[in-house]
Amino acid sequence: MTNLKSYVVWDGPTRWFHWINVVCVLALAVLGTAILYSEDLGVTDDGKILLKTTHVWFGYVFAVNLGWRVAWAFFGNRQARWSAIFPFRPGCGTAFRTYVRGLIRGDGRPYLGHNPVARLMVSLLVLLLVVQAVTGLVLAGTDIYYPPFGYWFANWVAAPGVDPWALVPYDKTGIDAASWDAMRAFRSPFVTVHYWNFYALLFLIVIHIVGVVVTELREGGGLVSAMFTGRKVFDREPVDDV
């Protein structure tokens, strides 16, 4: 008879972050793709503004949610903290090799929290999510003059005597041409990073999903359901059950 034991793993805030992040990333990916191919889709300037405005509002939710998760990593339960996420710690190399060997053999020990491979993946995902949030907030300011940097960019490009608040996205009325060119040059590297980081994120997300499926099949434990219930169920003692 199999002895199953249920363990509390993910706390409520961590689970909420995960699913809010999933919704935001999906929405931002769809909207971002529509913005990227807006010319091919025949989108008007007003349509572009609407797309970017909607994209920015989802971006605000995404950034606040991400900021909350970063903060919660200092206060959450054991599995929510940075110590359970960062892969670089004493013995991490040995733990990584041992886990991969076990995974290949099909007899890997389960983990309550992130296994050594997942730690590396989650750390990379968090890094790319932060980069995407920061560059996105900058572009919200350069493109449609939205907070937190919008007024600063509007003030930069406004012609002398023009109220920055009066500037309208995609309308160069009241714009100083030289300042506009300088601002767009400043914007350029942020666009490049935001663009390529998006594809890097998509790649890691696919790898993340594949990893979840493989781990579920090899180790069990209810990895997916745990992000709803907060609990994992094992018939063996997890490595990190301390």
C-alpha atoms as a PDB file:
ATOM      1  CA  MET A   1       0.000   0.000   0.000  1.00  0.00           C
ATOM      2  CA  THR A   2       1.361   3.424  -0.974  1.00  0.00           C
ATOM      3  CA  ASN A   3       1.812   5.860   1.884  1.00  0.00           C
ATOM      4  CA  LEU A   4       0.953   9.324   0.651  1.00  0.00           C
ATOM      5  CA  LYS A   5       1.740  12.401   2.681  1.00  0.00           C
ATOM      6  CA  SER A   6       0.466  15.920   2.024  1.00  0.00           C
ATOM      7  CA  TYR A   7       2.771  18.901   2.533  1.00  0.00           C
ATOM      8  CA  VAL A   8       1.972  22.611   2.664  1.00  0.00           C
ATOM      9  CA  VAL A   9       4.316  24.266   0.155  1.00  0.00           C
ATOM     10  CA  TRP A  10       3.116  27.461  -1.554  1.00  0.00           C
ATOM     11  CA  ASP A  11       1.454  30.161   0.525  1.00  0.00           C
ATOM     12  CA  GLY A  12      -1.503  32.200  -0.729  1.00  0.00           C
ATOM     13  CA  PRO A  13       0.396  35.319  -1.874  1.00  0.00           C
ATOM     14  CA  THR A  14       2.836  33.197  -3.889  1.00  0.00           C
ATOM     15  CA  ARG A  15       0.002  31.396  -5.668  1.00  0.00           C
ATOM     16  CA  TRP A  16      -1.859  34.631  -6.363  1.00  0.00           C
ATOM     17  CA  PHE A  17       1.324  36.154  -7.806  1.00  0.00           C
ATOM     18  CA  HIS A  18       1.831  33.179 -10.094  1.00  0.00           C
ATOM     19  CA  TRP A  19      -1.622  33.241 -11.682  1.00  0.00           C
ATOM     20  CA  ILE A  20      -1.851  37.037 -11.922  1.00  0.00           C
ATOM     21  CA  ASN A  21       1.543  36.923 -13.613  1.00  0.00           C
ATOM     22  CA  VAL A  22       0.323  34.251 -16.042  1.00  0.00           C
ATOM     23  CA  VAL A  23      -2.681  36.380 -17.058  1.00  0.00           C
ATOM     24  CA  CYS A  24      -0.572  39.534 -17.401  1.00  0.00           C
ATOM     25  CA  VAL A  25       2.165  37.864 -19.444  1.00  0.00           C
ATOM     26  CA  LEU A  26      -0.392  36.331 -21.813  1.00  0.00           C
ATOM     27  CA  ALA A  27      -2.215  39.653 -22.251  1.00  0.00           C
ATOM     28  CA  LEU A  28       1.011  41.617 -22.666  1.00  0.00           C
ATOM     29  CA  ALA A  29       2.342  39.104 -25.197  1.00  0.00           C
ATOM     30  CA  VAL A  30      -0.804  39.342 -27.330  1.00  0.00           C
ATOM     31  CA  LEU A  31      -0.965  43.134 -27.114  1.00  0.00           C
ATOM     32  CA  GLY A  32       2.782  43.493 -27.676  1.00  0.00           C
ATOM     33  CA  THR A  33       2.614  41.333 -30.787  1.00  0.00           C
ATOM     34  CA  ALA A  34      -0.289  43.416 -32.106  1.00  0.00           C
ATOM     35  CA  ILE A  35       1.735  46.597 -31.481  1.00  0.00           C
ATOM     36  CA  LEU A  36       4.814  45.106 -33.145  1.00  0.00           C
ATOM     37  CA  TYR A  37       2.885  44.209 -36.290  1.00  0.00           C
ATOM     38  CA  SER A  38       0.489  47.157 -36.195  1.00  0.00           C
ATOM     39  CA  GLU A  39       1.655  48.439 -39.591  1.00  0.00           C
ATOM     40  CA  ASP A  40       1.031  45.066 -41.234  1.00  0.00           C
ATOM     41  CA  LEU A  41      -2.353  44.870 -39.517  1.00  0.00           C
ATOM     42  CA  GLY A  42      -3.320  48.315 -40.807  1.00  0.00           C
ATOM     43  CA  VAL A  43      -3.803  49.769 -37.332  1.00  0.00           C
ATOM     44  CA  THR A  44      -4.391  53.535 -37.280  1.00  0.00           C
ATOM     45  CA  ASP A  45      -2.542  55.933 -34.968  1.00  0.00           C
ATOM     46  CA  ASP A  46      -5.576  56.034 -32.675  1.00  0.00           C
ATOM     47  CA  GLY A  47      -5.597  52.243 -32.692  1.00  0.00           C
ATOM     48  CA  LYS A  48      -1.903  52.164 -31.791  1.00  0.00           C
ATOM     49  CA  ILE A  49      -2.522  54.524 -28.890  1.00  0.00           C
ATOM     50  CA  LEU A  50      -5.357  52.288 -27.666  1.00  0.00           C
ATOM     51  CA  LEU A  51      -3.182  49.180 -27.970  1.00  0.00           C
ATOM     52  CA  LYS A  52      -0.282  50.834 -26.154  1.00  0.00           C
ATOM     53  CA  THR A  53      -2.540  52.274 -23.462  1.00  0.00           C
ATOM     54  CA  THR A  54      -4.083  48.859 -22.793  1.00  0.00           C
ATOM     55  CA  HIS A  55      -0.620  47.301 -22.889  1.00  0.00           C
ATOM     56  CA  VAL A  56       0.628  49.844 -20.347  1.00  0.00           C
ATOM     57  CA  TRP A  57      -2.263  49.245 -17.940  1.00  0.00           C
ATOM     58  CA  PHE A  58      -1.634  45.507 -18.013  1.00  0.00           C
ATOM     59  CA  GLY A  59       2.026  46.396 -17.565  1.00  0.00           C
ATOM     60  CA  TYR A  60       1.229  48.328 -14.391  1.00  0.00           C
ATOM     61  CA  VAL A  61      -0.555  45.303 -12.931  1.00  0.00           C
ATOM     62  CA  PHE A  62       2.361  43.121 -14.034  1.00  0.00           C
ATOM     63  CA  ALA A  63       4.954  45.456 -12.459  1.00  0.00           C
ATOM     64  CA  VAL A  64       3.065  45.903  -9.173  1.00  0.00           C
ATOM     65  CA  ASN A  65       2.490  42.148  -8.939  1.00  0.00           C
ATOM     66  CA  LEU A  66       6.180  41.500  -9.619  1.00  0.00           C
ATOM     67  CA  GLY A  67       7.233  44.125  -7.082  1.00  0.00           C
ATOM     68  CA  TRP A  68       4.945  42.495  -4.524  1.00  0.00           C
ATOM     69  CA  ARG A  69       6.536  39.091  -5.196  1.00  0.00           C
ATOM     70  CA  VAL A  70      10.040  40.512  -4.801  1.00  0.00           C
ATOM     71  CA  ALA A  71       9.021  41.994  -1.441  1.00  0.00           C
ATOM     72  CA  TRP A  72       7.166  38.850  -0.365  1.00  0.00           C
ATOM     73  CA  ALA A  73      10.366  36.857  -0.874  1.00  0.00           C
ATOM     74  CA  PHE A  74      11.604  38.545   2.315  1.00  0.00           C
ATOM     75  CA  PHE A  75       8.488  37.788   4.388  1.00  0.00           C
ATOM     76  CA  GLY A  76       6.739  34.713   2.966  1.00  0.00           C
ATOM     77  CA  ASN A  77       6.927  31.120   4.105  1.00  0.00           C
ATOM     78  CA  ARG A  78      10.094  29.068   3.681  1.00  0.00           C
ATOM     79  CA  GLN A  79       9.398  28.096   0.071  1.00  0.00           C
ATOM     80  CA  ALA A  80       8.522  31.677  -0.925  1.00  0.00           C
ATOM     81  CA  ARG A  81      11.779  33.233   0.289  1.00  0.00           C
ATOM     82  CA  TRP A  82      14.867  34.125  -1.704  1.00  0.00           C
ATOM     83  CA  SER A  83      16.796  31.359   0.040  1.00  0.00           C
ATOM     84  CA  ALA A  84      14.469  28.850  -1.641  1.00  0.00           C
ATOM     85  CA  ILE A  85      14.789  30.516  -5.051  1.00  0.00           C
ATOM     86  CA  PHE A  86      18.407  31.511  -5.657  1.00  0.00           C
ATOM     87  CA  PRO A  87      20.429  28.568  -7.016  1.00  0.00           C
ATOM     88  CA  PHE A  88      23.822  29.767  -5.832  1.00  0.00           C
ATOM     89  CA  ARG A  89      24.509  28.560  -2.323  1.00  0.00           C
ATOM     90  CA  PRO A  90      26.921  26.103  -0.648  1.00  0.00           C
ATOM     91  CA  GLY A  91      26.563  22.677  -2.228  1.00  0.00           C
ATOM     92  CA  CYS A  92      24.438  23.896  -5.137  1.00  0.00           C
ATOM     93  CA  GLY A  93      26.696  22.310  -7.756  1.00  0.00           C
ATOM     94  CA  THR A  94      26.564  18.895  -6.113  1.00  0.00           C
ATOM     95  CA  ALA A  95      22.792  19.144  -5.606  1.00  0.00           C
ATOM     96  CA  PHE A  96      22.338  20.115  -9.265  1.00  0.00           C
ATOM     97  CA  ARG A  97      24.398  17.181 -10.574  1.00  0.00           C
ATOM     98  CA  THR A  98      22.749  14.708  -8.211  1.00  0.00           C
ATOM     99  CA  TYR A  99      19.273  15.850  -9.223  1.00  0.00           C
ATOM    100  CA  VAL A 100      20.008  15.733 -12.965  1.00  0.00           C
ATOM    101  CA  ARG A 101      21.511  12.238 -12.698  1.00  0.00           C
ATOM    102  CA  GLY A 102      18.459  11.037 -10.799  1.00  0.00           C
ATOM    103  CA  LEU A 103      16.157  12.682 -13.339  1.00  0.00           C
ATOM    104  CA  ILE A 104      17.940  10.924 -16.207  1.00  0.00           C
ATOM    105  CA  ARG A 105      17.799   7.560 -14.423  1.00  0.00           C
ATOM    106  CA  GLY A 106      14.147   8.099 -13.566  1.00  0.00           C
ATOM    107  CA  ASP A 107      14.636   7.789  -9.817  1.00  0.00           C
ATOM    108  CA  GLY A 108      15.160  11.401  -8.785  1.00  0.00           C
ATOM    109  CA  ARG A 109      14.154  12.414  -5.277  1.00  0.00           C
ATOM    110  CA  PRO A 110      11.273  14.918  -5.116  1.00  0.00           C
ATOM    111  CA  TYR A 111      11.559  18.415  -3.678  1.00  0.00           C
ATOM    112  CA  LEU A 112       8.959  20.312  -1.690  1.00  0.00           C
ATOM    113  CA  GLY A 113       9.956  23.617  -3.210  1.00  0.00           C
ATOM    114  CA  HIS A 114      12.046  24.331  -6.284  1.00  0.00           C
ATOM    115  CA  ASN A 115      14.438  21.575  -7.274  1.00  0.00           C
ATOM    116  CA  PRO A 116      18.008  22.621  -8.282  1.00  0.00           C
ATOM    117  CA  VAL A 117      17.104  22.961 -11.976  1.00  0.00           C
ATOM    118  CA  ALA A 118      13.930  24.898 -11.177  1.00  0.00           C
ATOM    119  CA  ARG A 119      15.888  27.283  -8.935  1.00  0.00           C
ATOM    120  CA  LEU A 120      18.047  28.256 -11.891  1.00  0.00           C
ATOM    121  CA  MET A 121      15.014  28.598 -14.166  1.00  0.00           C
ATOM    122  CA  VAL A 122      13.008  30.698 -11.693  1.00  0.00           C
ATOM    123  CA  SER A 123      15.989  32.985 -11.040  1.00  0.00           C
ATOM    124  CA  LEU A 124      16.395  33.593 -14.777  1.00  0.00           C
ATOM    125  CA  LEU A 125      12.663  34.187 -15.170  1.00  0.00           C
ATOM    126  CA  VAL A 126      12.598  36.721 -12.327  1.00  0.00           C
ATOM    127  CA  LEU A 127      15.588  38.544 -13.843  1.00  0.00           C
ATOM    128  CA  LEU A 128      13.963  38.746 -17.281  1.00  0.00           C
ATOM    129  CA  LEU A 129      10.610  39.770 -15.805  1.00  0.00           C
ATOM    130  CA  VAL A 130      12.279  42.639 -13.941  1.00  0.00           C
ATOM    131  CA  VAL A 131      14.107  43.750 -17.098  1.00  0.00           C
ATOM    132  CA  GLN A 132      10.851  43.635 -19.064  1.00  0.00           C
ATOM    133  CA  ALA A 133       9.010  45.638 -16.407  1.00  0.00           C
ATOM    134  CA  VAL A 134      11.684  48.353 -16.158  1.00  0.00           C
ATOM    135  CA  THR A 135      12.112  48.791 -19.916  1.00  0.00           C
ATOM    136  CA  GLY A 136       8.337  48.724 -20.362  1.00  0.00           C
ATOM    137  CA  LEU A 137       7.832  51.530 -17.847  1.00  0.00           C
ATOM    138  CA  VAL A 138      10.418  53.630 -19.677  1.00  0.00           C
ATOM    139  CA  LEU A 139       8.696  53.020 -23.025  1.00  0.00           C
ATOM    140  CA  ALA A 140       5.320  53.892 -21.511  1.00  0.00           C
ATOM    141  CA  GLY A 141       6.818  57.310 -20.892  1.00  0.00           C
ATOM    142  CA  THR A 142       8.516  57.767 -24.263  1.00  0.00           C
ATOM    143  CA  ASP A 143       5.598  56.519 -26.366  1.00  0.00           C
ATOM    144  CA  ILE A 144       2.430  57.796 -24.680  1.00  0.00           C
ATOM    145  CA  TYR A 145       3.789  59.975 -21.839  1.00  0.00           C
ATOM    146  CA  TYR A 146       2.448  57.682 -19.108  1.00  0.00           C
ATOM    147  CA  PRO A 147       3.818  57.466 -15.538  1.00  0.00           C
ATOM    148  CA  PRO A 148       6.211  57.054 -13.917  1.00  0.00           C
ATOM    149  CA  PHE A 149       8.484  58.743 -16.474  1.00  0.00           C
ATOM    150  CA  GLY A 150       5.951  60.253 -18.872  1.00  0.00           C
ATOM    151  CA  TYR A 151       6.053  63.835 -17.632  1.00  0.00           C
ATOM    152  CA  TRP A 152       9.851  63.820 -17.666  1.00  0.00           C
ATOM    153  CA  PHE A 153       9.905  62.730 -21.325  1.00  0.00           C
ATOM    154  CA  ALA A 154       7.118  65.144 -22.265  1.00  0.00           C
ATOM    155  CA  ASN A 155       9.038  67.969 -20.609  1.00  0.00           C
ATOM    156  CA  TRP A 156      12.145  66.898 -22.517  1.00  0.00           C
ATOM    157  CA  VAL A 157      10.537  67.096 -25.969  1.00  0.00           C
ATOM    158  CA  ALA A 158       8.133  70.007 -25.435  1.00  0.00           C
ATOM    159  CA  ALA A 159       9.005  73.145 -27.376  1.00  0.00           C
ATOM    160  CA  PRO A 160       9.823  76.257 -25.313  1.00  0.00           C
ATOM    161  CA  GLY A 161       6.660  77.702 -23.778  1.00  0.00           C
ATOM    162  CA  VAL A 162       4.605  74.542 -24.395  1.00  0.00           C
ATOM    163  CA  ASP A 163       2.958  72.845 -21.419  1.00  0.00           C
ATOM    164  CA  PRO A 164       4.231  69.217 -21.353  1.00  0.00           C
ATOM    165  CA  TRP A 165       0.788  68.096 -20.155  1.00  0.00           C
ATOM    166  CA  ALA A 166      -0.674  69.390 -23.436  1.00  0.00           C
ATOM    167  CA  LEU A 167       1.335  67.000 -25.616  1.00  0.00           C
ATOM    168  CA  VAL A 168      -0.606  64.238 -27.340  1.00  0.00           C
ATOM    169  CA  PRO A 169       0.937  60.875 -28.322  1.00  0.00           C
ATOM    170  CA  TYR A 170       1.573  60.474 -32.065  1.00  0.00           C
ATOM    171  CA  ASP A 171       1.020  64.214 -32.568  1.00  0.00           C
ATOM    172  CA  LYS A 172       4.127  66.374 -32.985  1.00  0.00           C
ATOM    173  CA  THR A 173       2.279  69.605 -32.328  1.00  0.00           C
ATOM    174  CA  GLY A 174       4.260  71.504 -29.692  1.00  0.00           C
ATOM    175  CA  ILE A 175       7.296  69.218 -30.066  1.00  0.00           C
ATOM    176  CA  ASP A 176      10.844  70.536 -30.361  1.00  0.00           C
ATOM    177  CA  ALA A 177      12.377  68.583 -33.261  1.00  0.00           C
ATOM    178  CA  ALA A 178      15.922  68.393 -31.872  1.00  0.00           C
ATOM    179  CA  SER A 179      14.724  67.325 -28.433  1.00  0.00           C
ATOM    180  CA  TRP A 180      12.434  64.748 -30.017  1.00  0.00           C
ATOM    181  CA  ASP A 181      15.331  63.205 -31.945  1.00  0.00           C
ATOM    182  CA  ALA A 182      17.468  63.129 -28.790  1.00  0.00           C
ATOM    183  CA  MET A 183      14.682  61.459 -26.824  1.00  0.00           C
ATOM    184  CA  ARG A 184      14.166  58.847 -29.539  1.00  0.00           C
ATOM    185  CA  ALA A 185      17.894  58.103 -29.544  1.00  0.00           C
ATOM    186  CA  PHE A 186      17.704  57.626 -25.761  1.00  0.00           C
ATOM    187  CA  ARG A 187      14.666  55.360 -26.255  1.00  0.00           C
ATOM    188  CA  SER A 188      16.311  53.124 -28.852  1.00  0.00           C
ATOM    189  CA  PRO A 189      18.312  50.774 -26.558  1.00  0.00           C
ATOM    190  CA  PHE A 190      15.282  50.313 -24.306  1.00  0.00           C
ATOM    191  CA  VAL A 191      13.235  49.226 -27.330  1.00  0.00           C
ATOM    192  CA  THR A 192      15.949  46.772 -28.356  1.00  0.00           C
ATOM    193  CA  VAL A 193      16.214  45.239 -24.881  1.00  0.00           C
ATOM    194  CA  HIS A 194      12.409  45.097 -24.470  1.00  0.00           C
ATOM    195  CA  TYR A 195      12.066  43.404 -27.864  1.00  0.00           C
ATOM    196  CA  TRP A 196      14.710  40.706 -27.451  1.00  0.00           C
ATOM    197  CA  ASN A 197      13.961  40.161 -23.782  1.00  0.00           C
ATOM    198  CA  PHE A 198      10.370  39.391 -24.802  1.00  0.00           C
ATOM    199  CA  TYR A 199      11.540  36.536 -27.013  1.00  0.00           C
ATOM    200  CA  ALA A 200      13.942  35.305 -24.327  1.00  0.00           C
ATOM    201  CA  LEU A 201      11.013  35.269 -21.894  1.00  0.00           C
ATOM    202  CA  LEU A 202       8.846  33.295 -24.309  1.00  0.00           C
ATOM    203  CA  PHE A 203      11.649  30.770 -24.733  1.00  0.00           C
ATOM    204  CA  LEU A 204      12.115  30.362 -20.974  1.00  0.00           C
ATOM    205  CA  ILE A 205       8.361  30.089 -20.422  1.00  0.00           C
ATOM    206  CA  VAL A 206       8.189  27.198 -22.903  1.00  0.00           C
ATOM    207  CA  ILE A 207      11.142  25.510 -21.154  1.00  0.00           C
ATOM    208  CA  HIS A 208       9.441  26.158 -17.804  1.00  0.00           C
ATOM    209  CA  ILE A 209       6.218  24.477 -18.948  1.00  0.00           C
ATOM    210  CA  VAL A 210       8.133  21.497 -20.365  1.00  0.00           C
ATOM    211  CA  GLY A 211      10.067  21.242 -17.098  1.00  0.00           C
ATOM    212  CA  VAL A 212       6.856  21.228 -15.077  1.00  0.00           C
ATOM    213  CA  VAL A 213       5.432  18.418 -17.218  1.00  0.00           C
ATOM    214  CA  VAL A 214       8.639  16.343 -16.993  1.00  0.00           C
ATOM    215  CA  THR A 215       8.900  16.859 -13.230  1.00  0.00           C
ATOM    216  CA  GLU A 216       5.252  15.930 -12.737  1.00  0.00           C
ATOM    217  CA  LEU A 217       5.687  12.735 -14.748  1.00  0.00           C
ATOM    218  CA  ARG A 218       8.974  11.750 -13.093  1.00  0.00           C
ATOM    219  CA  GLU A 219       8.360  12.819  -9.486  1.00  0.00           C
ATOM    220  CA  GLY A 220       4.610  13.281  -9.091  1.00  0.00           C
ATOM    221  CA  GLY A 221       3.519  15.416  -6.182  1.00  0.00           C
ATOM    222  CA  GLY A 222       0.828  17.403  -7.963  1.00  0.00           C
ATOM    223  CA  LEU A 223       3.100  20.218  -9.120  1.00  0.00           C
ATOM    224  CA  VAL A 224       0.391  21.994 -11.112  1.00  0.00           C
ATOM    225  CA  SER A 225      -2.417  21.506  -8.600  1.00  0.00           C
ATOM    226  CA  ALA A 226      -0.080  22.776  -5.859  1.00  0.00           C
ATOM    227  CA  MET A 227      -0.226  26.220  -7.470  1.00  0.00           C
ATOM    228  CA  PHE A 228      -3.967  26.165  -6.774  1.00  0.00           C
ATOM    229  CA  THR A 229      -4.122  24.358  -3.436  1.00  0.00           C
ATOM    230  CA  GLY A 230      -0.697  25.169  -2.022  1.00  0.00           C
ATOM    231  CA  ARG A 231      -0.102  21.491  -1.208  1.00  0.00           C
ATOM    232  CA  LYS A 232       2.016  18.723  -2.726  1.00  0.00           C
ATOM    233  CA  VAL A 233       1.497  15.016  -2.113  1.00  0.00           C
ATOM    234  CA  PHE A 234       4.396  12.529  -2.137  1.00  0.00           C
ATOM    235  CA  ASP A 235       4.890   8.841  -1.445  1.00  0.00           C
ATOM    236  CA  ARG A 236       8.558   9.508  -0.620  1.00  0.00           C
ATOM    237  CA  GLU A 237      10.214  11.957   1.718  1.00  0.00           C
ATOM    238  CA  PRO A 238      11.221  15.131  -0.148  1.00  0.00           C
ATOM    239  CA  VAL A 239      14.894  16.097  -0.155  1.00  0.00           C
ATOM    240  CA  ASP A 240      14.195  19.505   1.377  1.00  0.00           C
ATOM    241  CA  ASP A 241      11.719  18.376   4.050  1.00  0.00           C
ATOM    242  CA  VAL A 242      13.632  19.893   6.968  1.00  0.00           C
END
